[in-house]
Amino acid sequence: MKRLEAIVFDWAGTTVDFGSLAPVRAVTEMFRREGIRISDADVRRDMGLYKKDHIRGILRMSHVEGAWRERHGRSPDQRDVERMFEQFIPLQMEVLEQYAQLILSVGRVTETLKEKGLKIGSTTGYTRPMLEVLQRAAKEQGYHPDLALCPDDVGGGRPLPWMCLQIAREFRLKAMAAAVKVGDTISDIEEGLHAGMWTVGVVATGNEIGLSPIEYAALDLYERNRLLEQARDRLRAAGAHYVVDSVALIEPIIEALDERAASGERP
């Protein structure tokens, strides 16, 4: 590598949990226990945010707020956000390990990037205990980033750039443009852009399509291409410099970004 020094990966939908299913399962169950039915699409709209912010965003959706008023006789407030976040934590912990399967080729690709001299960081919208579950499972499967941060560590989550900035500080990067943020959500792309990093969106394995490996494999070619193109468009519109189907295909993108950085381009 001529100029790049680090790659910062997301977790669910990017390196583990094909389809980013674990948070959807936990959030929908949490709302069900409140007597509110929400769709997977409701959950996926703000995926990648710190989970307390994620809950707050869902409660602000007009149809969800209306259902809440009908059920509870008032609009939701910050006390509800705090209470629901506390309920969410054990629900997410219950299912997290079930969805901690490493996405194909992540271990191989990240080790190859390390061999090229790149440091591997990671950020997430999960809490520290949740992240530790994923770290243990991923390490057993051959993926071990040099540094893994969560919103708890820096006082704020995506789309704020603070986790990426802290990683840059701990990695002693020469410039923010020496790093690439890789993730499957709009908030991942915003996080990287706000930090001054190059950004790469991941579509097939992530939140924008949101299917399990079996469901994704069962798609006919037309439907698969349609969903992929829609997902690519959404992440490009968010500002992604490149979009790939999965981390398995990211090495040529990293080479291209390194050439652009070496020629003097900046994100």
C-alpha atoms as a PDB file:
ATOM      1  CA  MET A   1       0.000   0.000   0.000  1.00  0.00           C
ATOM      2  CA  LYS A   2       1.265   3.451  -0.945  1.00  0.00           C
ATOM      3  CA  ARG A   3      -1.006   5.702   1.096  1.00  0.00           C
ATOM      4  CA  LEU A   4      -3.762   3.753   2.839  1.00  0.00           C
ATOM      5  CA  GLU A   5      -3.029   2.676   6.391  1.00  0.00           C
ATOM      6  CA  ALA A   6      -6.272   1.250   7.814  1.00  0.00           C
ATOM      7  CA  ILE A   7      -9.637  -0.285   6.983  1.00  0.00           C
ATOM      8  CA  VAL A   8     -12.530   0.139   9.434  1.00  0.00           C
ATOM      9  CA  PHE A   9     -15.241  -2.501   9.084  1.00  0.00           C
ATOM     10  CA  ASP A  10     -18.769  -2.612  10.429  1.00  0.00           C
ATOM     11  CA  TRP A  11     -20.002  -5.814  12.078  1.00  0.00           C
ATOM     12  CA  ALA A  12     -23.586  -7.050  11.459  1.00  0.00           C
ATOM     13  CA  GLY A  13     -24.278  -7.350   7.734  1.00  0.00           C
ATOM     14  CA  THR A  14     -20.670  -6.606   6.786  1.00  0.00           C
ATOM     15  CA  THR A  15     -18.366  -9.069   8.551  1.00  0.00           C
ATOM     16  CA  VAL A  16     -20.846 -11.222  10.517  1.00  0.00           C
ATOM     17  CA  ASP A  17     -24.597 -11.937  10.437  1.00  0.00           C
ATOM     18  CA  PHE A  18     -25.406 -12.166   6.714  1.00  0.00           C
ATOM     19  CA  GLY A  19     -28.527 -10.047   6.216  1.00  0.00           C
ATOM     20  CA  SER A  20     -28.077  -8.178   9.514  1.00  0.00           C
ATOM     21  CA  LEU A  21     -30.847 -10.241  11.085  1.00  0.00           C
ATOM     22  CA  ALA A  22     -30.033 -10.181  14.808  1.00  0.00           C
ATOM     23  CA  PRO A  23     -30.985  -6.540  15.477  1.00  0.00           C
ATOM     24  CA  VAL A  24     -34.207  -6.882  13.477  1.00  0.00           C
ATOM     25  CA  ARG A  25     -35.303  -9.879  15.523  1.00  0.00           C
ATOM     26  CA  ALA A  26     -34.571  -8.169  18.852  1.00  0.00           C
ATOM     27  CA  VAL A  27     -36.118  -4.791  18.008  1.00  0.00           C
ATOM     28  CA  THR A  28     -39.335  -6.204  16.562  1.00  0.00           C
ATOM     29  CA  GLU A  29     -39.773  -8.427  19.626  1.00  0.00           C
ATOM     30  CA  MET A  30     -39.174  -5.477  21.950  1.00  0.00           C
ATOM     31  CA  PHE A  31     -41.915  -3.444  20.245  1.00  0.00           C
ATOM     32  CA  ARG A  32     -44.233  -6.467  20.205  1.00  0.00           C
ATOM     33  CA  ARG A  33     -43.958  -6.614  23.985  1.00  0.00           C
ATOM     34  CA  GLU A  34     -45.076  -2.970  24.043  1.00  0.00           C
ATOM     35  CA  GLY A  35     -48.156  -3.923  22.031  1.00  0.00           C
ATOM     36  CA  ILE A  36     -46.825  -2.237  18.873  1.00  0.00           C
ATOM     37  CA  ARG A  37     -46.397  -4.112  15.601  1.00  0.00           C
ATOM     38  CA  ILE A  38     -43.565  -2.805  13.415  1.00  0.00           C
ATOM     39  CA  SER A  39     -42.210  -4.127  10.135  1.00  0.00           C
ATOM     40  CA  ASP A  40     -38.685  -5.231   9.273  1.00  0.00           C
ATOM     41  CA  ALA A  41     -38.527  -2.179   6.989  1.00  0.00           C
ATOM     42  CA  ASP A  42     -39.254   0.072   9.985  1.00  0.00           C
ATOM     43  CA  VAL A  43     -36.297  -1.430  11.836  1.00  0.00           C
ATOM     44  CA  ARG A  44     -33.963  -1.323   8.843  1.00  0.00           C
ATOM     45  CA  ARG A  45     -34.516   2.359   8.011  1.00  0.00           C
ATOM     46  CA  ASP A  46     -32.049   3.609  10.659  1.00  0.00           C
ATOM     47  CA  MET A  47     -29.981   0.450  11.063  1.00  0.00           C
ATOM     48  CA  GLY A  48     -26.415   1.019  12.180  1.00  0.00           C
ATOM     49  CA  LEU A  49     -27.222   3.753  14.680  1.00  0.00           C
ATOM     50  CA  TYR A  50     -26.477   3.366  18.370  1.00  0.00           C
ATOM     51  CA  LYS A  51     -29.387   1.240  19.530  1.00  0.00           C
ATOM     52  CA  LYS A  52     -30.860   3.852  21.862  1.00  0.00           C
ATOM     53  CA  ASP A  53     -30.903   6.334  18.980  1.00  0.00           C
ATOM     54  CA  HIS A  54     -32.320   3.607  16.749  1.00  0.00           C
ATOM     55  CA  ILE A  55     -35.252   3.023  19.132  1.00  0.00           C
ATOM     56  CA  ARG A  56     -35.876   6.764  19.380  1.00  0.00           C
ATOM     57  CA  GLY A  57     -35.963   7.041  15.588  1.00  0.00           C
ATOM     58  CA  ILE A  58     -38.526   4.248  15.242  1.00  0.00           C
ATOM     59  CA  LEU A  59     -40.751   5.846  17.872  1.00  0.00           C
ATOM     60  CA  ARG A  60     -40.697   9.084  15.860  1.00  0.00           C
ATOM     61  CA  MET A  61     -42.142   7.394  12.753  1.00  0.00           C
ATOM     62  CA  SER A  62     -45.645   8.788  12.336  1.00  0.00           C
ATOM     63  CA  HIS A  63     -47.401   5.416  12.115  1.00  0.00           C
ATOM     64  CA  VAL A  64     -45.490   4.042  15.099  1.00  0.00           C
ATOM     65  CA  GLU A  65     -46.169   7.144  17.189  1.00  0.00           C
ATOM     66  CA  GLY A  66     -49.843   6.914  16.233  1.00  0.00           C
ATOM     67  CA  ALA A  67     -50.024   3.262  17.234  1.00  0.00           C
ATOM     68  CA  TRP A  68     -48.302   4.145  20.516  1.00  0.00           C
ATOM     69  CA  ARG A  69     -50.832   6.884  21.301  1.00  0.00           C
ATOM     70  CA  GLU A  70     -53.677   4.498  20.536  1.00  0.00           C
ATOM     71  CA  ARG A  71     -52.159   1.824  22.783  1.00  0.00           C
ATOM     72  CA  HIS A  72     -50.869   3.994  25.646  1.00  0.00           C
ATOM     73  CA  GLY A  73     -52.980   7.148  25.437  1.00  0.00           C
ATOM     74  CA  ARG A  74     -49.983   9.459  24.922  1.00  0.00           C
ATOM     75  CA  SER A  75     -46.965  10.016  22.711  1.00  0.00           C
ATOM     76  CA  PRO A  76     -43.731   8.179  23.568  1.00  0.00           C
ATOM     77  CA  ASP A  77     -41.109  10.180  25.443  1.00  0.00           C
ATOM     78  CA  GLN A  78     -37.503   9.870  26.553  1.00  0.00           C
ATOM     79  CA  ARG A  79     -38.494   7.774  29.563  1.00  0.00           C
ATOM     80  CA  ASP A  80     -39.949   5.210  27.158  1.00  0.00           C
ATOM     81  CA  VAL A  81     -36.754   5.246  25.106  1.00  0.00           C
ATOM     82  CA  GLU A  82     -34.634   4.553  28.202  1.00  0.00           C
ATOM     83  CA  ARG A  83     -36.966   1.826  29.459  1.00  0.00           C
ATOM     84  CA  MET A  84     -37.173   0.111  26.078  1.00  0.00           C
ATOM     85  CA  PHE A  85     -33.413   0.270  25.625  1.00  0.00           C
ATOM     86  CA  GLU A  86     -33.016  -1.563  28.921  1.00  0.00           C
ATOM     87  CA  GLN A  87     -35.482  -4.194  27.678  1.00  0.00           C
ATOM     88  CA  PHE A  88     -33.683  -4.427  24.340  1.00  0.00           C
ATOM     89  CA  ILE A  89     -30.307  -5.343  25.833  1.00  0.00           C
ATOM     90  CA  PRO A  90     -31.209  -8.835  27.134  1.00  0.00           C
ATOM     91  CA  LEU A  91     -33.330  -9.535  24.032  1.00  0.00           C
ATOM     92  CA  GLN A  92     -30.373  -8.767  21.778  1.00  0.00           C
ATOM     93  CA  MET A  93     -27.944 -10.726  23.937  1.00  0.00           C
ATOM     94  CA  GLU A  94     -30.243 -13.780  23.714  1.00  0.00           C
ATOM     95  CA  VAL A  95     -30.059 -13.973  19.910  1.00  0.00           C
ATOM     96  CA  LEU A  96     -26.679 -12.417  19.173  1.00  0.00           C
ATOM     97  CA  GLU A  97     -24.572 -15.571  19.235  1.00  0.00           C
ATOM     98  CA  GLN A  98     -27.108 -17.308  17.020  1.00  0.00           C
ATOM     99  CA  TYR A  99     -26.360 -14.726  14.319  1.00  0.00           C
ATOM    100  CA  ALA A 100     -22.605 -14.397  14.845  1.00  0.00           C
ATOM    101  CA  GLN A 101     -21.604 -16.517  11.850  1.00  0.00           C
ATOM    102  CA  LEU A 102     -18.709 -14.973   9.934  1.00  0.00           C
ATOM    103  CA  ILE A 103     -19.618 -13.945   6.393  1.00  0.00           C
ATOM    104  CA  LEU A 104     -17.785 -15.924   3.712  1.00  0.00           C
ATOM    105  CA  SER A 105     -14.153 -14.910   3.075  1.00  0.00           C
ATOM    106  CA  VAL A 106     -14.008 -12.188   5.754  1.00  0.00           C
ATOM    107  CA  GLY A 107     -11.238 -13.952   7.676  1.00  0.00           C
ATOM    108  CA  ARG A 108      -9.151 -14.570   4.571  1.00  0.00           C
ATOM    109  CA  VAL A 109      -9.591 -11.072   3.172  1.00  0.00           C
ATOM    110  CA  THR A 110      -8.782  -9.264   6.411  1.00  0.00           C
ATOM    111  CA  GLU A 111      -5.661 -11.363   6.964  1.00  0.00           C
ATOM    112  CA  THR A 112      -4.522 -10.546   3.419  1.00  0.00           C
ATOM    113  CA  LEU A 113      -5.070  -6.840   4.081  1.00  0.00           C
ATOM    114  CA  LYS A 114      -3.032  -7.112   7.283  1.00  0.00           C
ATOM    115  CA  GLU A 115      -0.218  -8.790   5.336  1.00  0.00           C
ATOM    116  CA  LYS A 116      -0.203  -5.746   3.054  1.00  0.00           C
ATOM    117  CA  GLY A 117       0.473  -3.562   6.088  1.00  0.00           C
ATOM    118  CA  LEU A 118      -3.040  -2.304   6.759  1.00  0.00           C
ATOM    119  CA  LYS A 119      -4.478  -2.080  10.259  1.00  0.00           C
ATOM    120  CA  ILE A 120      -7.989  -3.434  10.728  1.00  0.00           C
ATOM    121  CA  GLY A 121     -10.438  -1.525  12.896  1.00  0.00           C
ATOM    122  CA  SER A 122     -14.156  -1.942  13.491  1.00  0.00           C
ATOM    123  CA  THR A 123     -17.152   0.061  14.689  1.00  0.00           C
ATOM    124  CA  THR A 124     -20.713  -0.916  15.584  1.00  0.00           C
ATOM    125  CA  GLY A 125     -24.034   0.333  16.897  1.00  0.00           C
ATOM    126  CA  TYR A 126     -24.044  -2.420  19.515  1.00  0.00           C
ATOM    127  CA  THR A 127     -23.120  -1.946  23.165  1.00  0.00           C
ATOM    128  CA  ARG A 128     -19.777  -3.126  24.551  1.00  0.00           C
ATOM    129  CA  PRO A 129     -21.140  -6.435  26.004  1.00  0.00           C
ATOM    130  CA  MET A 130     -22.803  -7.199  22.652  1.00  0.00           C
ATOM    131  CA  LEU A 131     -19.633  -6.379  20.767  1.00  0.00           C
ATOM    132  CA  GLU A 132     -17.648  -8.687  23.033  1.00  0.00           C
ATOM    133  CA  VAL A 133     -19.964 -11.576  22.115  1.00  0.00           C
ATOM    134  CA  LEU A 134     -19.300 -10.923  18.433  1.00  0.00           C
ATOM    135  CA  GLN A 135     -15.551 -10.531  18.964  1.00  0.00           C
ATOM    136  CA  ARG A 136     -15.289 -13.889  20.731  1.00  0.00           C
ATOM    137  CA  ALA A 137     -17.319 -15.681  18.073  1.00  0.00           C
ATOM    138  CA  ALA A 138     -15.493 -13.998  15.185  1.00  0.00           C
ATOM    139  CA  LYS A 139     -12.058 -14.788  16.606  1.00  0.00           C
ATOM    140  CA  GLU A 140     -12.959 -18.457  16.797  1.00  0.00           C
ATOM    141  CA  GLN A 141     -13.853 -18.284  13.100  1.00  0.00           C
ATOM    142  CA  GLY A 142     -10.673 -16.505  11.994  1.00  0.00           C
ATOM    143  CA  TYR A 143     -11.517 -12.798  12.154  1.00  0.00           C
ATOM    144  CA  HIS A 144      -9.785 -10.610  14.701  1.00  0.00           C
ATOM    145  CA  PRO A 145      -9.653  -6.834  14.075  1.00  0.00           C
ATOM    146  CA  ASP A 146      -6.812  -4.920  15.690  1.00  0.00           C
ATOM    147  CA  LEU A 147      -9.273  -2.587  17.408  1.00  0.00           C
ATOM    148  CA  ALA A 148     -13.052  -2.768  17.931  1.00  0.00           C
ATOM    149  CA  LEU A 149     -15.001   0.232  19.238  1.00  0.00           C
ATOM    150  CA  CYS A 150     -18.639   0.850  20.131  1.00  0.00           C
ATOM    151  CA  PRO A 151     -20.556   4.044  21.009  1.00  0.00           C
ATOM    152  CA  ASP A 152     -20.013   3.340  24.737  1.00  0.00           C
ATOM    153  CA  ASP A 153     -16.274   3.888  24.210  1.00  0.00           C
ATOM    154  CA  VAL A 154     -16.515   7.408  22.790  1.00  0.00           C
ATOM    155  CA  GLY A 155     -19.793   8.859  24.051  1.00  0.00           C
ATOM    156  CA  GLY A 156     -21.740   8.716  20.804  1.00  0.00           C
ATOM    157  CA  GLY A 157     -22.568   6.525  17.829  1.00  0.00           C
ATOM    158  CA  ARG A 158     -23.190   6.886  14.114  1.00  0.00           C
ATOM    159  CA  PRO A 159     -23.558   9.033  12.146  1.00  0.00           C
ATOM    160  CA  LEU A 160     -21.156  10.883  14.446  1.00  0.00           C
ATOM    161  CA  PRO A 161     -17.538  10.166  13.442  1.00  0.00           C
ATOM    162  CA  TRP A 162     -16.194   9.736  16.966  1.00  0.00           C
ATOM    163  CA  MET A 163     -15.493   5.985  16.804  1.00  0.00           C
ATOM    164  CA  CYS A 164     -13.599   6.418  13.529  1.00  0.00           C
ATOM    165  CA  LEU A 165     -11.690   9.395  14.910  1.00  0.00           C
ATOM    166  CA  GLN A 166     -10.679   7.416  17.990  1.00  0.00           C
ATOM    167  CA  ILE A 167      -9.504   4.543  15.812  1.00  0.00           C
ATOM    168  CA  ALA A 168      -7.424   6.969  13.749  1.00  0.00           C
ATOM    169  CA  ARG A 169      -5.899   8.333  16.933  1.00  0.00           C
ATOM    170  CA  GLU A 170      -5.070   4.904  18.359  1.00  0.00           C
ATOM    171  CA  PHE A 171      -3.701   3.683  15.025  1.00  0.00           C
ATOM    172  CA  ARG A 172      -1.615   6.900  14.734  1.00  0.00           C
ATOM    173  CA  LEU A 173      -2.823   7.501  11.181  1.00  0.00           C
ATOM    174  CA  LYS A 174      -1.063  10.256   9.243  1.00  0.00           C
ATOM    175  CA  ALA A 175      -4.399  11.523   7.889  1.00  0.00           C
ATOM    176  CA  MET A 176      -8.070  10.582   7.942  1.00  0.00           C
ATOM    177  CA  ALA A 177      -7.824  10.075   4.178  1.00  0.00           C
ATOM    178  CA  ALA A 178      -5.468   7.172   4.893  1.00  0.00           C
ATOM    179  CA  ALA A 179      -8.423   5.092   6.094  1.00  0.00           C
ATOM    180  CA  VAL A 180     -11.427   3.405   4.482  1.00  0.00           C
ATOM    181  CA  LYS A 181     -14.783   2.849   6.238  1.00  0.00           C
ATOM    182  CA  VAL A 182     -16.646  -0.254   5.060  1.00  0.00           C
ATOM    183  CA  GLY A 183     -20.255  -0.941   6.020  1.00  0.00           C
ATOM    184  CA  ASP A 184     -23.710  -1.998   4.860  1.00  0.00           C
ATOM    185  CA  THR A 185     -25.868   0.887   6.135  1.00  0.00           C
ATOM    186  CA  ILE A 186     -26.364   4.536   5.269  1.00  0.00           C
ATOM    187  CA  SER A 187     -25.189   5.438   8.769  1.00  0.00           C
ATOM    188  CA  ASP A 188     -21.912   3.559   8.104  1.00  0.00           C
ATOM    189  CA  ILE A 189     -21.315   5.674   5.021  1.00  0.00           C
ATOM    190  CA  GLU A 190     -22.211   8.880   6.876  1.00  0.00           C
ATOM    191  CA  GLU A 191     -19.898   7.916   9.744  1.00  0.00           C
ATOM    192  CA  GLY A 192     -16.975   7.450   7.380  1.00  0.00           C
ATOM    193  CA  LEU A 193     -17.659  10.627   5.416  1.00  0.00           C
ATOM    194  CA  HIS A 194     -18.005  12.697   8.569  1.00  0.00           C
ATOM    195  CA  ALA A 195     -14.635  11.336   9.683  1.00  0.00           C
ATOM    196  CA  GLY A 196     -13.010  12.298   6.377  1.00  0.00           C
ATOM    197  CA  MET A 197     -12.471   8.693   5.287  1.00  0.00           C
ATOM    198  CA  TRP A 198     -13.030   6.910   2.011  1.00  0.00           C
ATOM    199  CA  THR A 199     -16.211   4.821   2.161  1.00  0.00           C
ATOM    200  CA  VAL A 200     -17.275   1.488   0.677  1.00  0.00           C
ATOM    201  CA  GLY A 201     -20.846   0.203   0.877  1.00  0.00           C
ATOM    202  CA  VAL A 202     -21.664  -3.503   1.135  1.00  0.00           C
ATOM    203  CA  VAL A 203     -24.989  -4.627  -0.365  1.00  0.00           C
ATOM    204  CA  ALA A 204     -25.619  -8.375  -0.828  1.00  0.00           C
ATOM    205  CA  THR A 205     -24.832  -9.429   2.729  1.00  0.00           C
ATOM    206  CA  GLY A 206     -26.241  -6.430   4.524  1.00  0.00           C
ATOM    207  CA  ASN A 207     -29.135  -4.376   5.730  1.00  0.00           C
ATOM    208  CA  GLU A 208     -30.189  -2.864   2.403  1.00  0.00           C
ATOM    209  CA  ILE A 209     -31.310  -6.269   1.105  1.00  0.00           C
ATOM    210  CA  GLY A 210     -31.761  -7.912   4.501  1.00  0.00           C
ATOM    211  CA  LEU A 211     -32.101 -11.556   3.491  1.00  0.00           C
ATOM    212  CA  SER A 212     -30.575 -14.635   5.094  1.00  0.00           C
ATOM    213  CA  PRO A 213     -28.030 -16.605   3.016  1.00  0.00           C
ATOM    214  CA  ILE A 214     -30.690 -19.187   2.142  1.00  0.00           C
ATOM    215  CA  GLU A 215     -33.242 -16.540   1.144  1.00  0.00           C
ATOM    216  CA  TYR A 216     -30.660 -14.680  -0.918  1.00  0.00           C
ATOM    217  CA  ALA A 217     -29.513 -17.850  -2.710  1.00  0.00           C
ATOM    218  CA  ALA A 218     -33.127 -18.709  -3.555  1.00  0.00           C
ATOM    219  CA  LEU A 219     -33.711 -15.473  -5.502  1.00  0.00           C
ATOM    220  CA  ASP A 220     -33.990 -15.773  -9.260  1.00  0.00           C
ATOM    221  CA  LEU A 221     -31.421 -13.799 -11.234  1.00  0.00           C
ATOM    222  CA  TYR A 222     -33.779 -10.973 -12.189  1.00  0.00           C
ATOM    223  CA  GLU A 223     -34.974 -10.353  -8.627  1.00  0.00           C
ATOM    224  CA  ARG A 224     -31.462 -10.598  -7.219  1.00  0.00           C
ATOM    225  CA  ASN A 225     -30.110  -8.046  -9.685  1.00  0.00           C
ATOM    226  CA  ARG A 226     -33.075  -5.750  -9.053  1.00  0.00           C
ATOM    227  CA  LEU A 227     -32.522  -5.794  -5.289  1.00  0.00           C
ATOM    228  CA  LEU A 228     -28.770  -5.364  -5.668  1.00  0.00           C
ATOM    229  CA  GLU A 229     -29.127  -2.350  -7.937  1.00  0.00           C
ATOM    230  CA  GLN A 230     -31.626  -0.691  -5.607  1.00  0.00           C
ATOM    231  CA  ALA A 231     -29.279  -1.242  -2.660  1.00  0.00           C
ATOM    232  CA  ARG A 232     -26.296   0.076  -4.606  1.00  0.00           C
ATOM    233  CA  ASP A 233     -28.245   3.203  -5.542  1.00  0.00           C
ATOM    234  CA  ARG A 234     -29.172   3.899  -1.906  1.00  0.00           C
ATOM    235  CA  LEU A 235     -25.599   3.604  -0.647  1.00  0.00           C
ATOM    236  CA  ARG A 236     -24.207   5.611  -3.555  1.00  0.00           C
ATOM    237  CA  ALA A 237     -26.795   8.304  -2.855  1.00  0.00           C
ATOM    238  CA  ALA A 238     -25.551   8.358   0.752  1.00  0.00           C
ATOM    239  CA  GLY A 239     -22.090   9.165  -0.590  1.00  0.00           C
ATOM    240  CA  ALA A 240     -20.289   5.812  -0.830  1.00  0.00           C
ATOM    241  CA  HIS A 241     -17.207   6.097  -3.031  1.00  0.00           C
ATOM    242  CA  TYR A 242     -17.546   2.449  -4.068  1.00  0.00           C
ATOM    243  CA  VAL A 243     -20.118  -0.301  -3.560  1.00  0.00           C
ATOM    244  CA  VAL A 244     -19.432  -4.050  -3.461  1.00  0.00           C
ATOM    245  CA  ASP A 245     -21.644  -7.076  -2.984  1.00  0.00           C
ATOM    246  CA  SER A 246     -19.566  -8.426  -0.105  1.00  0.00           C
ATOM    247  CA  VAL A 247     -16.259  -8.067   1.725  1.00  0.00           C
ATOM    248  CA  ALA A 248     -15.040 -11.050  -0.321  1.00  0.00           C
ATOM    249  CA  LEU A 249     -14.790  -8.672  -3.311  1.00  0.00           C
ATOM    250  CA  ILE A 250     -13.189  -5.693  -1.612  1.00  0.00           C
ATOM    251  CA  GLU A 251      -9.470  -6.179  -2.348  1.00  0.00           C
ATOM    252  CA  PRO A 252      -9.535  -4.580  -5.853  1.00  0.00           C
ATOM    253  CA  ILE A 253     -11.475  -1.654  -4.397  1.00  0.00           C
ATOM    254  CA  ILE A 254      -8.833  -1.121  -1.707  1.00  0.00           C
ATOM    255  CA  GLU A 255      -6.130  -1.206  -4.399  1.00  0.00           C
ATOM    256  CA  ALA A 256      -8.037   1.374  -6.449  1.00  0.00           C
ATOM    257  CA  LEU A 257      -8.488   3.644  -3.429  1.00  0.00           C
ATOM    258  CA  ASP A 258      -4.810   3.344  -2.601  1.00  0.00           C
ATOM    259  CA  GLU A 259      -3.932   4.468  -6.137  1.00  0.00           C
ATOM    260  CA  ARG A 260      -6.335   7.411  -5.879  1.00  0.00           C
ATOM    261  CA  ALA A 261      -4.881   8.406  -2.520  1.00  0.00           C
ATOM    262  CA  ALA A 262      -1.332   8.094  -3.865  1.00  0.00           C
ATOM    263  CA  SER A 263      -2.206  10.404  -6.770  1.00  0.00           C
ATOM    264  CA  GLY A 264      -3.307  13.089  -4.327  1.00  0.00           C
ATOM    265  CA  GLU A 265      -7.079  12.575  -4.320  1.00  0.00           C
ATOM    266  CA  ARG A 266      -8.986  12.977  -1.068  1.00  0.00           C
ATOM    267  CA  PRO A 267     -12.410  11.684  -0.010  1.00  0.00           C
END
